[in-house]
């Protein structure tokens, strides 16, 4: 399952990042690394972007990037 598939109000744990090169680096720079917990706060009406809480701060992430984050 990827972060894109998680419903509002759920907390999940990152198991793997599947991006390549600069995209993967950008995701990691935002604080999303293996083992971190992510709480899905809101999803925009059309589904993009997704608002999450990571390491105590709010972050908006595009669906394309959320699809590269595998969670459990």
Protein backbone atom coordinates (compact mmCIF):
# COMPACT_ATOMS: atom_id res chain seq x y z
CA UNK A 1 0.00 0.00 0.00
CA UNK A 2 1.25 3.52 -0.73
CA UNK A 3 0.62 6.81 1.08
CA UNK A 4 -1.71 7.78 -1.78
CA UNK A 5 -4.13 4.98 -0.77
CA UNK A 6 -4.37 5.90 2.94
CA UNK A 7 -7.68 7.34 4.18
CA UNK A 8 -8.03 10.56 6.20
CA UNK A 9 -7.44 10.17 9.93
CA UNK A 10 -5.15 7.14 9.65
CA UNK A 11 -1.60 6.88 10.98
CA UNK A 12 0.81 4.69 9.02
CA UNK A 13 4.50 3.78 9.16
CA UNK A 14 6.84 4.18 6.17
CA UNK A 15 8.30 0.85 5.02
CA UNK A 16 10.07 1.85 1.77
CA UNK A 17 10.78 4.79 -0.55
CA UNK A 18 10.68 3.85 -4.23
CA UNK A 19 11.60 7.16 -5.92
CA UNK A 20 14.76 7.74 -7.97
CA UNK A 21 17.53 10.30 -7.59
CA UNK A 22 16.52 13.89 -6.80
CA UNK A 23 12.86 13.00 -6.19
CA UNK A 24 13.76 10.45 -3.51
CA UNK A 25 16.25 12.92 -1.99
CA UNK A 26 13.54 15.63 -1.81
CA UNK A 27 11.13 13.26 -0.05
CA UNK A 28 13.84 12.32 2.46
CA UNK A 29 14.71 16.01 3.00
CA UNK A 30 11.06 16.60 4.01
CA UNK A 31 11.59 14.17 6.88
CA UNK A 32 9.91 11.14 5.31
CA UNK A 33 12.29 8.25 5.91
CA UNK A 34 11.92 4.54 6.57
CA UNK A 35 10.27 3.85 9.94
CA UNK A 36 8.73 7.30 10.48
CA UNK A 37 5.01 7.58 11.31
CA UNK A 38 2.77 9.70 9.08
CA UNK A 39 -0.70 10.92 10.06
CA UNK A 40 -2.99 11.77 7.12
CA UNK A 41 -4.82 14.99 8.13
CA UNK A 42 -6.71 16.00 4.98
CA UNK A 43 -7.10 15.18 1.33
CA UNK A 44 -7.99 18.00 -1.08
CA UNK A 45 -11.43 17.76 -2.78
CA UNK A 46 -9.92 16.53 -6.04
CA UNK A 47 -7.44 14.28 -4.19
CA UNK A 48 -4.32 16.35 -4.77
CA UNK A 49 -2.44 17.36 -2.60
CA UNK A 50 -2.57 15.28 0.58
CA UNK A 51 -1.92 17.05 3.89
CA UNK A 52 0.02 14.97 6.42
CA UNK A 53 1.74 15.40 9.78
CA UNK A 54 5.33 14.12 9.88
CA UNK A 55 7.70 14.52 12.85
CA UNK A 56 5.43 17.15 14.43
CA UNK A 57 4.90 19.44 11.43
CA UNK A 58 2.31 19.72 8.66
CA UNK A 59 3.30 18.90 5.10
CA UNK A 60 1.41 18.90 1.80
CA UNK A 61 2.51 16.26 -0.65
CA UNK A 62 1.46 15.61 -4.25
CA UNK A 63 -0.23 12.34 -5.16
CA UNK A 64 2.62 11.52 -7.56
CA UNK A 65 5.12 11.78 -4.68
CA UNK A 66 2.80 9.99 -2.23
CA UNK A 67 2.70 7.03 -4.63
CA UNK A 68 6.46 6.56 -4.16
CA UNK A 69 6.08 6.10 -0.37
CA UNK A 70 5.17 2.54 0.67
CA UNK A 71 3.48 2.29 4.07
CA UNK A 72 2.06 -0.32 6.43
